[in-house]
Amino acid sequence: MDAELFPRERRQVAPGAVHVPGWLAADAQRELLDACREWARPPAGLRTVRTPGGGTMTARQVCLGRHWYPYGYARTVVDGDGAPVKPFPEWLGELGRR
């Protein structure tokens, strides 16, 4: 079926989150996914955060540009292996501004 016969509208899926069908071309989606996989690899890759109270956050995170840890930011993984944080790519900022 032709996508134009059945247009997919924008839809708010949660407060502050909107699904915008067709916003990012399939090849750009693949490039973004490849970049996310690379950012998740060590050093300074995907991690589980322990809170100051001793708990563990349920969501894992990866930091670009600056490393977040409870009560601060750093250029290295100060509460981990000490590796430098991967740089924040300019193209990702441009994508976010679109």
PDB file of N, CA and C in Angstrom:
ATOM      1  N   MET A   1       0.836  -1.184   0.000  1.00  0.00           N
ATOM      2  CA  MET A   1       0.000   0.000   0.000  1.00  0.00           C
ATOM      3  C   MET A   1       0.876   1.240   0.000  1.00  0.00           C
ATOM      4  N   ASP A   2       0.356   2.271  -0.542  1.00  0.00           N
ATOM      5  CA  ASP A   2       1.073   3.532  -0.638  1.00  0.00           C
ATOM      6  C   ASP A   2       0.951   4.297   0.678  1.00  0.00           C
ATOM      7  N   ALA A   3       2.084   4.733   1.212  1.00  0.00           N
ATOM      8  CA  ALA A   3       2.088   5.456   2.491  1.00  0.00           C
ATOM      9  C   ALA A   3       1.286   6.749   2.411  1.00  0.00           C
ATOM     10  N   GLU A   4       1.209   7.354   1.209  1.00  0.00           N
ATOM     11  CA  GLU A   4       0.469   8.607   1.091  1.00  0.00           C
ATOM     12  C   GLU A   4      -1.039   8.399   1.195  1.00  0.00           C
ATOM     13  N   LEU A   5      -1.510   7.198   0.914  1.00  0.00           N
ATOM     14  CA  LEU A   5      -2.934   6.921   1.062  1.00  0.00           C
ATOM     15  C   LEU A   5      -3.342   6.880   2.528  1.00  0.00           C
ATOM     16  N   PHE A   6      -2.397   6.489   3.381  1.00  0.00           N
ATOM     17  CA  PHE A   6      -2.653   6.369   4.811  1.00  0.00           C
ATOM     18  C   PHE A   6      -1.580   7.131   5.576  1.00  0.00           C
ATOM     19  N   PRO A   7      -1.681   8.461   5.598  1.00  0.00           N
ATOM     20  CA  PRO A   7      -0.633   9.240   6.276  1.00  0.00           C
ATOM     21  C   PRO A   7      -0.578   8.938   7.769  1.00  0.00           C
ATOM     22  N   ARG A   8       0.627   8.943   8.286  1.00  0.00           N
ATOM     23  CA  ARG A   8       0.841   8.722   9.719  1.00  0.00           C
ATOM     24  C   ARG A   8       1.095  10.080  10.361  1.00  0.00           C
ATOM     25  N   GLU A   9       0.245  10.446  11.267  1.00  0.00           N
ATOM     26  CA  GLU A   9       0.323  11.748  11.920  1.00  0.00           C
ATOM     27  C   GLU A   9       1.276  11.711  13.108  1.00  0.00           C
ATOM     28  N   ARG A  10       1.749  12.898  13.488  1.00  0.00           N
ATOM     29  CA  ARG A  10       2.514  13.025  14.731  1.00  0.00           C
ATOM     30  C   ARG A  10       1.618  12.600  15.878  1.00  0.00           C
ATOM     31  N   ARG A  11       2.245  12.014  16.907  1.00  0.00           N
ATOM     32  CA  ARG A  11       1.450  11.570  18.058  1.00  0.00           C
ATOM     33  C   ARG A  11       2.278  11.716  19.322  1.00  0.00           C
ATOM     34  N   GLN A  12       1.697  12.354  20.331  1.00  0.00           N
ATOM     35  CA  GLN A  12       2.373  12.458  21.618  1.00  0.00           C
ATOM     36  C   GLN A  12       2.234  11.111  22.321  1.00  0.00           C
ATOM     37  N   VAL A  13       3.375  10.476  22.619  1.00  0.00           N
ATOM     38  CA  VAL A  13       3.349   9.160  23.260  1.00  0.00           C
ATOM     39  C   VAL A  13       3.488   9.252  24.774  1.00  0.00           C
ATOM     40  N   ALA A  14       3.994  10.381  25.244  1.00  0.00           N
ATOM     41  CA  ALA A  14       4.131  10.662  26.676  1.00  0.00           C
ATOM     42  C   ALA A  14       4.397  12.157  26.794  1.00  0.00           C
ATOM     43  N   PRO A  15       4.182  12.741  27.949  1.00  0.00           N
ATOM     44  CA  PRO A  15       4.467  14.169  28.097  1.00  0.00           C
ATOM     45  C   PRO A  15       5.912  14.484  27.688  1.00  0.00           C
ATOM     46  N   GLY A  16       6.056  15.346  26.685  1.00  0.00           N
ATOM     47  CA  GLY A  16       7.383  15.739  26.218  1.00  0.00           C
ATOM     48  C   GLY A  16       7.994  14.821  25.180  1.00  0.00           C
ATOM     49  N   ALA A  17       7.300  13.740  24.812  1.00  0.00           N
ATOM     50  CA  ALA A  17       7.819  12.794  23.813  1.00  0.00           C
ATOM     51  C   ALA A  17       6.815  12.666  22.669  1.00  0.00           C
ATOM     52  N   VAL A  18       7.283  12.950  21.458  1.00  0.00           N
ATOM     53  CA  VAL A  18       6.410  12.922  20.290  1.00  0.00           C
ATOM     54  C   VAL A  18       6.986  11.978  19.244  1.00  0.00           C
ATOM     55  N   HIS A  19       6.148  11.088  18.712  1.00  0.00           N
ATOM     56  CA  HIS A  19       6.548  10.214  17.611  1.00  0.00           C
ATOM     57  C   HIS A  19       6.257  10.961  16.318  1.00  0.00           C
ATOM     58  N   VAL A  20       7.285  11.131  15.488  1.00  0.00           N
ATOM     59  CA  VAL A  20       7.153  11.852  14.231  1.00  0.00           C
ATOM     60  C   VAL A  20       7.523  10.888  13.099  1.00  0.00           C
ATOM     61  N   PRO A  21       6.548  10.174  12.549  1.00  0.00           N
ATOM     62  CA  PRO A  21       6.840   9.211  11.486  1.00  0.00           C
ATOM     63  C   PRO A  21       7.500   9.881  10.284  1.00  0.00           C
ATOM     64  N   GLY A  22       8.496   9.212   9.728  1.00  0.00           N
ATOM     65  CA  GLY A  22       9.158   9.715   8.533  1.00  0.00           C
ATOM     66  C   GLY A  22      10.132  10.850   8.769  1.00  0.00           C
ATOM     67  N   TRP A  23      10.357  11.239  10.015  1.00  0.00           N
ATOM     68  CA  TRP A  23      11.241  12.373  10.307  1.00  0.00           C
ATOM     69  C   TRP A  23      12.685  12.073   9.951  1.00  0.00           C
ATOM     70  N   LEU A  24      13.125  10.852  10.190  1.00  0.00           N
ATOM     71  CA  LEU A  24      14.512  10.482   9.937  1.00  0.00           C
ATOM     72  C   LEU A  24      14.526   9.328   8.938  1.00  0.00           C
ATOM     73  N   ALA A  25      15.196   9.540   7.816  1.00  0.00           N
ATOM     74  CA  ALA A  25      15.254   8.528   6.759  1.00  0.00           C
ATOM     75  C   ALA A  25      15.871   7.228   7.283  1.00  0.00           C
ATOM     76  N   ALA A  26      15.530   6.122   6.653  1.00  0.00           N
ATOM     77  CA  ALA A  26      15.996   4.805   7.105  1.00  0.00           C
ATOM     78  C   ALA A  26      17.518   4.721   7.150  1.00  0.00           C
ATOM     79  N   ASP A  27      18.216   5.270   6.157  1.00  0.00           N
ATOM     80  CA  ASP A  27      19.685   5.204   6.173  1.00  0.00           C
ATOM     81  C   ASP A  27      20.262   6.016   7.325  1.00  0.00           C
ATOM     82  N   ALA A  28      19.647   7.147   7.639  1.00  0.00           N
ATOM     83  CA  ALA A  28      20.103   7.961   8.773  1.00  0.00           C
ATOM     84  C   ALA A  28      19.817   7.246  10.095  1.00  0.00           C
ATOM     85  N   GLN A  29      18.703   6.516  10.167  1.00  0.00           N
ATOM     86  CA  GLN A  29      18.400   5.732  11.368  1.00  0.00           C
ATOM     87  C   GLN A  29      19.460   4.658  11.590  1.00  0.00           C
ATOM     88  N   ARG A  30      19.878   3.999  10.496  1.00  0.00           N
ATOM     89  CA  ARG A  30      20.918   2.969  10.613  1.00  0.00           C
ATOM     90  C   ARG A  30      22.237   3.576  11.073  1.00  0.00           C
ATOM     91  N   GLU A  31      22.597   4.749  10.525  1.00  0.00           N
ATOM     92  CA  GLU A  31      23.834   5.421  10.938  1.00  0.00           C
ATOM     93  C   GLU A  31      23.786   5.793  12.414  1.00  0.00           C
ATOM     94  N   LEU A  32      22.644   6.284  12.879  1.00  0.00           N
ATOM     95  CA  LEU A  32      22.492   6.645  14.286  1.00  0.00           C
ATOM     96  C   LEU A  32      22.611   5.406  15.172  1.00  0.00           C
ATOM     97  N   LEU A  33      21.991   4.320  14.777  1.00  0.00           N
ATOM     98  CA  LEU A  33      22.077   3.081  15.547  1.00  0.00           C
ATOM     99  C   LEU A  33      23.518   2.566  15.598  1.00  0.00           C
ATOM    100  N   ASP A  34      24.227   2.617  14.477  1.00  0.00           N
ATOM    101  CA  ASP A  34      25.640   2.202  14.456  1.00  0.00           C
ATOM    102  C   ASP A  34      26.471   3.061  15.400  1.00  0.00           C
ATOM    103  N   ALA A  35      26.214   4.380  15.400  1.00  0.00           N
ATOM    104  CA  ALA A  35      26.944   5.285  16.293  1.00  0.00           C
ATOM    105  C   ALA A  35      26.631   4.954  17.751  1.00  0.00           C
ATOM    106  N   CYS A  36      25.366   4.687  18.071  1.00  0.00           N
ATOM    107  CA  CYS A  36      24.989   4.337  19.449  1.00  0.00           C
ATOM    108  C   CYS A  36      25.699   3.070  19.903  1.00  0.00           C
ATOM    109  N   ARG A  37      25.791   2.096  19.025  1.00  0.00           N
ATOM    110  CA  ARG A  37      26.494   0.856  19.378  1.00  0.00           C
ATOM    111  C   ARG A  37      27.971   1.125  19.644  1.00  0.00           C
ATOM    112  N   GLU A  38      28.573   1.998  18.857  1.00  0.00           N
ATOM    113  CA  GLU A  38      29.987   2.335  19.059  1.00  0.00           C
ATOM    114  C   GLU A  38      30.177   3.086  20.379  1.00  0.00           C
ATOM    115  N   TRP A  39      29.290   4.018  20.689  1.00  0.00           N
ATOM    116  CA  TRP A  39      29.396   4.769  21.946  1.00  0.00           C
ATOM    117  C   TRP A  39      29.242   3.846  23.143  1.00  0.00           C
ATOM    118  N   ALA A  40      28.456   2.784  23.011  1.00  0.00           N
ATOM    119  CA  ALA A  40      28.200   1.868  24.127  1.00  0.00           C
ATOM    120  C   ALA A  40      29.398   0.977  24.446  1.00  0.00           C
ATOM    121  N   ARG A  41      30.344   0.855  23.511  1.00  0.00           N
ATOM    122  CA  ARG A  41      31.507  -0.012  23.733  1.00  0.00           C
ATOM    123  C   ARG A  41      32.517   0.670  24.653  1.00  0.00           C
ATOM    124  N   PRO A  42      33.254  -0.131  25.433  1.00  0.00           N
ATOM    125  CA  PRO A  42      34.342   0.439  26.240  1.00  0.00           C
ATOM    126  C   PRO A  42      35.451   0.960  25.336  1.00  0.00           C
ATOM    127  N   PRO A  43      36.276   1.833  25.813  1.00  0.00           N
ATOM    128  CA  PRO A  43      36.260   2.437  27.149  1.00  0.00           C
ATOM    129  C   PRO A  43      35.196   3.531  27.240  1.00  0.00           C
ATOM    130  N   ALA A  44      34.835   3.862  28.440  1.00  0.00           N
ATOM    131  CA  ALA A  44      33.824   4.892  28.729  1.00  0.00           C
ATOM    132  C   ALA A  44      32.527   4.604  27.986  1.00  0.00           C
ATOM    133  N   GLY A  45      32.101   3.350  27.991  1.00  0.00           N
ATOM    134  CA  GLY A  45      30.884   2.957  27.289  1.00  0.00           C
ATOM    135  C   GLY A  45      29.675   2.917  28.200  1.00  0.00           C
ATOM    136  N   LEU A  46      28.728   2.080  27.828  1.00  0.00           N
ATOM    137  CA  LEU A  46      27.486   1.931  28.573  1.00  0.00           C
ATOM    138  C   LEU A  46      27.778   1.480  30.001  1.00  0.00           C
ATOM    139  N   ARG A  47      27.062   2.053  30.949  1.00  0.00           N
ATOM    140  CA  ARG A  47      27.333   1.717  32.346  1.00  0.00           C
ATOM    141  C   ARG A  47      26.058   1.750  33.169  1.00  0.00           C
ATOM    142  N   THR A  48      26.117   1.121  34.322  1.00  0.00           N
ATOM    143  CA  THR A  48      25.047   1.145  35.308  1.00  0.00           C
ATOM    144  C   THR A  48      25.485   2.073  36.429  1.00  0.00           C
ATOM    145  N   VAL A  49      24.632   3.001  36.788  1.00  0.00           N
ATOM    146  CA  VAL A  49      24.979   4.018  37.786  1.00  0.00           C
ATOM    147  C   VAL A  49      24.498   3.607  39.168  1.00  0.00           C
ATOM    148  N   ARG A  50      25.378   3.758  40.144  1.00  0.00           N
ATOM    149  CA  ARG A  50      25.008   3.564  41.549  1.00  0.00           C
ATOM    150  C   ARG A  50      24.728   4.942  42.134  1.00  0.00           C
ATOM    151  N   THR A  51      23.626   5.052  42.828  1.00  0.00           N
ATOM    152  CA  THR A  51      23.239   6.327  43.417  1.00  0.00           C
ATOM    153  C   THR A  51      23.979   6.548  44.735  1.00  0.00           C
ATOM    154  N   PRO A  52      24.034   7.801  45.199  1.00  0.00           N
ATOM    155  CA  PRO A  52      24.710   8.075  46.466  1.00  0.00           C
ATOM    156  C   PRO A  52      24.135   7.276  47.637  1.00  0.00           C
ATOM    157  N   GLY A  53      22.853   6.913  47.555  1.00  0.00           N
ATOM    158  CA  GLY A  53      22.229   6.139  48.625  1.00  0.00           C
ATOM    159  C   GLY A  53      22.505   4.645  48.540  1.00  0.00           C
ATOM    160  N   GLY A  54      23.264   4.219  47.534  1.00  0.00           N
ATOM    161  CA  GLY A  54      23.622   2.814  47.397  1.00  0.00           C
ATOM    162  C   GLY A  54      22.761   2.021  46.439  1.00  0.00           C
ATOM    163  N   GLY A  55      21.725   2.641  45.901  1.00  0.00           N
ATOM    164  CA  GLY A  55      20.868   1.943  44.947  1.00  0.00           C
ATOM    165  C   GLY A  55      21.485   1.902  43.557  1.00  0.00           C
ATOM    166  N   THR A  56      20.857   1.170  42.684  1.00  0.00           N
ATOM    167  CA  THR A  56      21.304   1.073  41.299  1.00  0.00           C
ATOM    168  C   THR A  56      20.202   1.604  40.397  1.00  0.00           C
ATOM    169  N   MET A  57      20.545   2.512  39.493  1.00  0.00           N
ATOM    170  CA  MET A  57      19.559   3.027  38.546  1.00  0.00           C
ATOM    171  C   MET A  57      19.161   1.904  37.597  1.00  0.00           C
ATOM    172  N   THR A  58      17.889   1.840  37.232  1.00  0.00           N
ATOM    173  CA  THR A  58      17.414   0.763  36.367  1.00  0.00           C
ATOM    174  C   THR A  58      17.802   0.973  34.911  1.00  0.00           C
ATOM    175  N   ALA A  59      17.994   2.209  34.501  1.00  0.00           N
ATOM    176  CA  ALA A  59      18.398   2.493  33.121  1.00  0.00           C
ATOM    177  C   ALA A  59      19.917   2.611  33.051  1.00  0.00           C
ATOM    178  N   ARG A  60      20.508   2.014  32.026  1.00  0.00           N
ATOM    179  CA  ARG A  60      21.947   2.166  31.813  1.00  0.00           C
ATOM    180  C   ARG A  60      22.157   3.431  30.992  1.00  0.00           C
ATOM    181  N   GLN A  61      23.339   4.004  31.042  1.00  0.00           N
ATOM    182  CA  GLN A  61      23.598   5.250  30.325  1.00  0.00           C
ATOM    183  C   GLN A  61      24.974   5.247  29.697  1.00  0.00           C
ATOM    184  N   VAL A  62      25.120   6.119  28.712  1.00  0.00           N
ATOM    185  CA  VAL A  62      26.422   6.399  28.116  1.00  0.00           C
ATOM    186  C   VAL A  62      26.535   7.920  28.057  1.00  0.00           C
ATOM    187  N   CYS A  63      27.714   8.434  28.320  1.00  0.00           N
ATOM    188  CA  CYS A  63      27.927   9.878  28.332  1.00  0.00           C
ATOM    189  C   CYS A  63      28.795  10.277  27.146  1.00  0.00           C
ATOM    190  N   LEU A  64      28.461  11.395  26.529  1.00  0.00           N
ATOM    191  CA  LEU A  64      29.259  11.958  25.447  1.00  0.00           C
ATOM    192  C   LEU A  64      29.622  13.384  25.830  1.00  0.00           C
ATOM    193  N   GLY A  65      30.878  13.754  25.652  1.00  0.00           N
ATOM    194  CA  GLY A  65      31.317  15.113  25.959  1.00  0.00           C
ATOM    195  C   GLY A  65      31.729  15.289  27.403  1.00  0.00           C
ATOM    196  N   ARG A  66      30.843  14.973  28.304  1.00  0.00           N
ATOM    197  CA  ARG A  66      31.138  15.030  29.740  1.00  0.00           C
ATOM    198  C   ARG A  66      30.505  13.827  30.414  1.00  0.00           C
ATOM    199  N   HIS A  67      31.213  13.295  31.381  1.00  0.00           N
ATOM    200  CA  HIS A  67      30.734  12.138  32.139  1.00  0.00           C
ATOM    201  C   HIS A  67      29.907  12.627  33.316  1.00  0.00           C
ATOM    202  N   TRP A  68      28.705  12.083  33.462  1.00  0.00           N
ATOM    203  CA  TRP A  68      27.869  12.424  34.613  1.00  0.00           C
ATOM    204  C   TRP A  68      28.084  11.387  35.698  1.00  0.00           C
ATOM    205  N   TYR A  69      28.227  11.865  36.893  1.00  0.00           N
ATOM    206  CA  TYR A  69      28.227  11.009  38.076  1.00  0.00           C
ATOM    207  C   TYR A  69      27.471  11.786  39.140  1.00  0.00           C
ATOM    208  N   PRO A  70      26.952  11.128  40.170  1.00  0.00           N
ATOM    209  CA  PRO A  70      26.154  11.856  41.153  1.00  0.00           C
ATOM    210  C   PRO A  70      26.881  13.098  41.683  1.00  0.00           C
ATOM    211  N   TYR A  71      26.253  14.220  41.508  1.00  0.00           N
ATOM    212  CA  TYR A  71      26.731  15.529  41.975  1.00  0.00           C
ATOM    213  C   TYR A  71      27.846  16.125  41.132  1.00  0.00           C
ATOM    214  N   GLY A  72      28.091  15.648  39.926  1.00  0.00           N
ATOM    215  CA  GLY A  72      29.138  16.281  39.139  1.00  0.00           C
ATOM    216  C   GLY A  72      29.257  15.797  37.707  1.00  0.00           C
ATOM    217  N   TYR A  73      30.140  16.477  36.972  1.00  0.00           N
ATOM    218  CA  TYR A  73      30.475  16.147  35.591  1.00  0.00           C
ATOM    219  C   TYR A  73      31.984  16.171  35.459  1.00  0.00           C
ATOM    220  N   ALA A  74      32.531  15.345  34.570  1.00  0.00           N
ATOM    221  CA  ALA A  74      33.978  15.299  34.368  1.00  0.00           C
ATOM    222  C   ALA A  74      34.270  14.891  32.930  1.00  0.00           C
ATOM    223  N   ARG A  75      35.496  15.092  32.497  1.00  0.00           N
ATOM    224  CA  ARG A  75      35.932  14.682  31.154  1.00  0.00           C
ATOM    225  C   ARG A  75      36.396  13.225  31.128  1.00  0.00           C
ATOM    226  N   THR A  76      36.512  12.610  32.303  1.00  0.00           N
ATOM    227  CA  THR A  76      36.896  11.204  32.408  1.00  0.00           C
ATOM    228  C   THR A  76      35.872  10.471  33.271  1.00  0.00           C
ATOM    229  N   VAL A  77      35.893   9.154  33.203  1.00  0.00           N
ATOM    230  CA  VAL A  77      34.974   8.340  34.002  1.00  0.00           C
ATOM    231  C   VAL A  77      35.555   8.238  35.408  1.00  0.00           C
ATOM    232  N   VAL A  78      35.334   9.270  36.208  1.00  0.00           N
ATOM    233  CA  VAL A  78      35.956   9.360  37.531  1.00  0.00           C
ATOM    234  C   VAL A  78      35.469   8.285  38.496  1.00  0.00           C
ATOM    235  N   ASP A  79      34.260   7.790  38.295  1.00  0.00           N
ATOM    236  CA  ASP A  79      33.738   6.754  39.186  1.00  0.00           C
ATOM    237  C   ASP A  79      33.771   5.378  38.514  1.00  0.00           C
ATOM    238  N   GLY A  80      34.672   5.231  37.555  1.00  0.00           N
ATOM    239  CA  GLY A  80      34.815   3.957  36.844  1.00  0.00           C
ATOM    240  C   GLY A  80      36.275   3.699  36.535  1.00  0.00           C
ATOM    241  N   ASP A  81      36.571   3.444  35.263  1.00  0.00           N
ATOM    242  CA  ASP A  81      37.938   3.088  34.871  1.00  0.00           C
ATOM    243  C   ASP A  81      38.839   4.283  34.589  1.00  0.00           C
ATOM    244  N   GLY A  82      38.325   5.500  34.723  1.00  0.00           N
ATOM    245  CA  GLY A  82      39.137   6.691  34.501  1.00  0.00           C
ATOM    246  C   GLY A  82      39.372   7.026  33.039  1.00  0.00           C
ATOM    247  N   ALA A  83      38.727   6.301  32.135  1.00  0.00           N
ATOM    248  CA  ALA A  83      38.914   6.532  30.701  1.00  0.00           C
ATOM    249  C   ALA A  83      38.348   7.887  30.288  1.00  0.00           C
ATOM    250  N   PRO A  84      38.941   8.506  29.264  1.00  0.00           N
ATOM    251  CA  PRO A  84      38.374   9.754  28.741  1.00  0.00           C
ATOM    252  C   PRO A  84      36.984   9.498  28.149  1.00  0.00           C
ATOM    253  N   VAL A  85      36.109  10.455  28.319  1.00  0.00           N
ATOM    254  CA  VAL A  85      34.760  10.355  27.770  1.00  0.00           C
ATOM    255  C   VAL A  85      34.830  10.597  26.264  1.00  0.00           C
ATOM    256  N   LYS A  86      34.028   9.863  25.513  1.00  0.00           N
ATOM    257  CA  LYS A  86      33.984  10.062  24.061  1.00  0.00           C
ATOM    258  C   LYS A  86      33.437  11.459  23.770  1.00  0.00           C
ATOM    259  N   PRO A  87      33.937  12.104  22.713  1.00  0.00           N
ATOM    260  CA  PRO A  87      33.469  13.459  22.403  1.00  0.00           C
ATOM    261  C   PRO A  87      32.012  13.468  21.937  1.00  0.00           C
ATOM    262  N   PHE A  88      31.354  14.590  22.173  1.00  0.00           N
ATOM    263  CA  PHE A  88      29.990  14.778  21.681  1.00  0.00           C
ATOM    264  C   PHE A  88      30.088  15.212  20.222  1.00  0.00           C
ATOM    265  N   PRO A  89      29.547  14.415  19.289  1.00  0.00           N
ATOM    266  CA  PRO A  89      29.685  14.750  17.873  1.00  0.00           C
ATOM    267  C   PRO A  89      28.802  15.926  17.448  1.00  0.00           C
ATOM    268  N   GLU A  90      29.370  16.815  16.662  1.00  0.00           N
ATOM    269  CA  GLU A  90      28.633  17.984  16.179  1.00  0.00           C
ATOM    270  C   GLU A  90      27.383  17.562  15.404  1.00  0.00           C
ATOM    271  N   TRP A  91      27.490  16.489  14.623  1.00  0.00           N
ATOM    272  CA  TRP A  91      26.343  16.058  13.819  1.00  0.00           C
ATOM    273  C   TRP A  91      25.169  15.643  14.697  1.00  0.00           C
ATOM    274  N   LEU A  92      25.435  15.146  15.895  1.00  0.00           N
ATOM    275  CA  LEU A  92      24.358  14.750  16.794  1.00  0.00           C
ATOM    276  C   LEU A  92      23.633  15.993  17.320  1.00  0.00           C
ATOM    277  N   GLY A  93      24.382  17.036  17.620  1.00  0.00           N
ATOM    278  CA  GLY A  93      23.767  18.289  18.029  1.00  0.00           C
ATOM    279  C   GLY A  93      22.914  18.887  16.920  1.00  0.00           C
ATOM    280  N   GLU A  94      23.426  18.816  15.688  1.00  0.00           N
ATOM    281  CA  GLU A  94      22.663  19.320  14.539  1.00  0.00           C
ATOM    282  C   GLU A  94      21.380  18.518  14.348  1.00  0.00           C
ATOM    283  N   LEU A  95      21.469  17.211  14.529  1.00  0.00           N
ATOM    284  CA  LEU A  95      20.287  16.359  14.410  1.00  0.00           C
ATOM    285  C   LEU A  95      19.243  16.746  15.460  1.00  0.00           C
ATOM    286  N   GLY A  96      19.682  17.015  16.668  1.00  0.00           N
ATOM    287  CA  GLY A  96      18.765  17.408  17.735  1.00  0.00           C
ATOM    288  C   GLY A  96      18.107  18.755  17.502  1.00  0.00           C
ATOM    289  N   ARG A  97      18.768  19.629  16.760  1.00  0.00           N
ATOM    290  CA  ARG A  97      18.200  20.954  16.482  1.00  0.00           C
ATOM    291  C   ARG A  97      17.225  20.948  15.309  1.00  0.00           C
ATOM    292  N   ARG A  98      17.154  19.851  14.582  1.00  0.00           N
ATOM    293  CA  ARG A  98      16.247  19.794  13.416  1.00  0.00           C
ATOM    294  C   ARG A  98      14.794  19.808  13.831  1.00  0.00           C
TER     295      ARG A  98
END
